[in-house]
């Protein structure tokens, strides 16, 4: 059982839209105008600002911590295996 003409057109439209979404790359400031900060709910932020696509660039803007109790470090890991083993 094959696809009818209308179904083929819809499938082509979906595939084309998917490829365009993959090809685009936006710049997203994590945390919005307030930037990256301690105690913020980034799960809620990501739900409200999704979807994210391949080639999107995530920017983390933050001030140096003023309280040593909440100090943090930023690392750029080489690959997914490094992330998983961290």
C-alpha atoms as a PDB file:
ATOM      1  CA  UNK A   1       0.000   0.000   0.000  1.00  0.00           C
ATOM      2  CA  UNK A   2       1.666   3.243  -1.176  1.00  0.00           C
ATOM      3  CA  UNK A   3       1.147   6.862  -0.379  1.00  0.00           C
ATOM      4  CA  UNK A   4      -1.489   8.798  -2.283  1.00  0.00           C
ATOM      5  CA  UNK A   5      -0.566  12.049  -4.070  1.00  0.00           C
ATOM      6  CA  UNK A   6      -1.702  14.319  -1.208  1.00  0.00           C
ATOM      7  CA  UNK A   7       0.161  12.253   1.355  1.00  0.00           C
ATOM      8  CA  UNK A   8       3.366  12.414  -0.726  1.00  0.00           C
ATOM      9  CA  UNK A   9       3.112  16.200  -0.872  1.00  0.00           C
ATOM     10  CA  UNK A  10       2.665  16.394   2.899  1.00  0.00           C
ATOM     11  CA  UNK A  11       5.641  14.086   3.466  1.00  0.00           C
ATOM     12  CA  UNK A  12       7.838  16.229   1.182  1.00  0.00           C
ATOM     13  CA  UNK A  13       6.733  19.344   3.087  1.00  0.00           C
ATOM     14  CA  UNK A  14       7.581  17.790   6.465  1.00  0.00           C
ATOM     15  CA  UNK A  15      11.001  16.568   5.304  1.00  0.00           C
ATOM     16  CA  UNK A  16      11.812  19.954   3.728  1.00  0.00           C
ATOM     17  CA  UNK A  17      10.796  21.829   6.884  1.00  0.00           C
ATOM     18  CA  UNK A  18      12.915  19.463   8.981  1.00  0.00           C
ATOM     19  CA  UNK A  19      15.967  19.993   6.783  1.00  0.00           C
ATOM     20  CA  UNK A  20      15.526  23.763   6.898  1.00  0.00           C
ATOM     21  CA  UNK A  21      15.306  23.645  10.681  1.00  0.00           C
ATOM     22  CA  UNK A  22      18.533  21.631  10.841  1.00  0.00           C
ATOM     23  CA  UNK A  23      20.309  24.070   8.535  1.00  0.00           C
ATOM     24  CA  UNK A  24      19.375  27.131  10.555  1.00  0.00           C
ATOM     25  CA  UNK A  25      21.429  28.090  13.537  1.00  0.00           C
ATOM     26  CA  UNK A  26      20.239  30.678  15.985  1.00  0.00           C
ATOM     27  CA  UNK A  27      22.103  32.319  18.848  1.00  0.00           C
ATOM     28  CA  UNK A  28      20.399  31.802  22.193  1.00  0.00           C
ATOM     29  CA  UNK A  29      21.433  33.514  25.425  1.00  0.00           C
ATOM     30  CA  UNK A  30      20.835  30.962  28.168  1.00  0.00           C
ATOM     31  CA  UNK A  31      18.711  32.553  30.890  1.00  0.00           C
ATOM     32  CA  UNK A  32      17.575  35.363  28.579  1.00  0.00           C
ATOM     33  CA  UNK A  33      18.377  38.974  29.429  1.00  0.00           C
ATOM     34  CA  UNK A  34      19.248  38.017  33.013  1.00  0.00           C
ATOM     35  CA  UNK A  35      21.946  35.580  31.858  1.00  0.00           C
ATOM     36  CA  UNK A  36      23.337  32.527  33.618  1.00  0.00           C
ATOM     37  CA  UNK A  37      22.986  32.741  37.395  1.00  0.00           C
ATOM     38  CA  UNK A  38      22.895  30.593  40.492  1.00  0.00           C
ATOM     39  CA  UNK A  39      19.520  29.267  41.656  1.00  0.00           C
ATOM     40  CA  UNK A  40      17.674  29.775  38.351  1.00  0.00           C
ATOM     41  CA  UNK A  41      15.339  27.051  37.046  1.00  0.00           C
ATOM     42  CA  UNK A  42      16.858  26.273  33.643  1.00  0.00           C
ATOM     43  CA  UNK A  43      14.488  23.371  33.069  1.00  0.00           C
ATOM     44  CA  UNK A  44      11.536  25.770  33.009  1.00  0.00           C
ATOM     45  CA  UNK A  45      13.540  28.229  30.899  1.00  0.00           C
ATOM     46  CA  UNK A  46      14.372  25.554  28.322  1.00  0.00           C
ATOM     47  CA  UNK A  47      10.731  24.449  28.092  1.00  0.00           C
ATOM     48  CA  UNK A  48       9.576  28.028  27.541  1.00  0.00           C
ATOM     49  CA  UNK A  49      12.297  28.773  24.952  1.00  0.00           C
ATOM     50  CA  UNK A  50      12.314  25.518  23.003  1.00  0.00           C
ATOM     51  CA  UNK A  51      12.593  24.060  20.453  1.00  0.00           C
ATOM     52  CA  UNK A  52      16.340  24.156  19.974  1.00  0.00           C
ATOM     53  CA  UNK A  53      17.931  22.973  16.741  1.00  0.00           C
ATOM     54  CA  UNK A  54      21.194  21.505  15.508  1.00  0.00           C
ATOM     55  CA  UNK A  55      23.646  24.375  14.833  1.00  0.00           C
ATOM     56  CA  UNK A  56      22.069  26.645  17.468  1.00  0.00           C
ATOM     57  CA  UNK A  57      24.697  28.465  19.503  1.00  0.00           C
ATOM     58  CA  UNK A  58      24.111  28.672  23.236  1.00  0.00           C
ATOM     59  CA  UNK A  59      25.711  31.705  24.891  1.00  0.00           C
ATOM     60  CA  UNK A  60      26.347  31.731  28.645  1.00  0.00           C
ATOM     61  CA  UNK A  61      26.698  35.267  29.998  1.00  0.00           C
ATOM     62  CA  UNK A  62      27.570  35.516  33.677  1.00  0.00           C
ATOM     63  CA  UNK A  63      29.260  37.745  36.227  1.00  0.00           C
ATOM     64  CA  UNK A  64      32.083  36.349  38.341  1.00  0.00           C
ATOM     65  CA  UNK A  65      30.664  34.943  41.587  1.00  0.00           C
ATOM     66  CA  UNK A  66      30.910  37.346  44.523  1.00  0.00           C
ATOM     67  CA  UNK A  67      30.166  34.691  47.141  1.00  0.00           C
ATOM     68  CA  UNK A  68      32.754  31.862  47.424  1.00  0.00           C
ATOM     69  CA  UNK A  69      30.015  29.522  48.640  1.00  0.00           C
ATOM     70  CA  UNK A  70      28.408  29.704  45.179  1.00  0.00           C
ATOM     71  CA  UNK A  71      31.584  29.667  43.100  1.00  0.00           C
ATOM     72  CA  UNK A  72      31.465  27.656  39.892  1.00  0.00           C
ATOM     73  CA  UNK A  73      33.717  26.630  37.041  1.00  0.00           C
ATOM     74  CA  UNK A  74      33.032  26.435  33.325  1.00  0.00           C
ATOM     75  CA  UNK A  75      34.531  23.670  31.204  1.00  0.00           C
ATOM     76  CA  UNK A  76      34.364  23.002  27.490  1.00  0.00           C
ATOM     77  CA  UNK A  77      34.442  19.229  27.191  1.00  0.00           C
ATOM     78  CA  UNK A  78      35.960  17.578  24.135  1.00  0.00           C
ATOM     79  CA  UNK A  79      33.070  15.249  23.329  1.00  0.00           C
ATOM     80  CA  UNK A  80      30.008  13.456  24.642  1.00  0.00           C
ATOM     81  CA  UNK A  81      32.087  10.690  26.259  1.00  0.00           C
ATOM     82  CA  UNK A  82      33.923  13.327  28.306  1.00  0.00           C
ATOM     83  CA  UNK A  83      30.590  14.788  29.374  1.00  0.00           C
ATOM     84  CA  UNK A  84      29.193  11.407  30.407  1.00  0.00           C
ATOM     85  CA  UNK A  85      32.284  10.500  32.437  1.00  0.00           C
ATOM     86  CA  UNK A  86      32.458  13.902  34.155  1.00  0.00           C
END
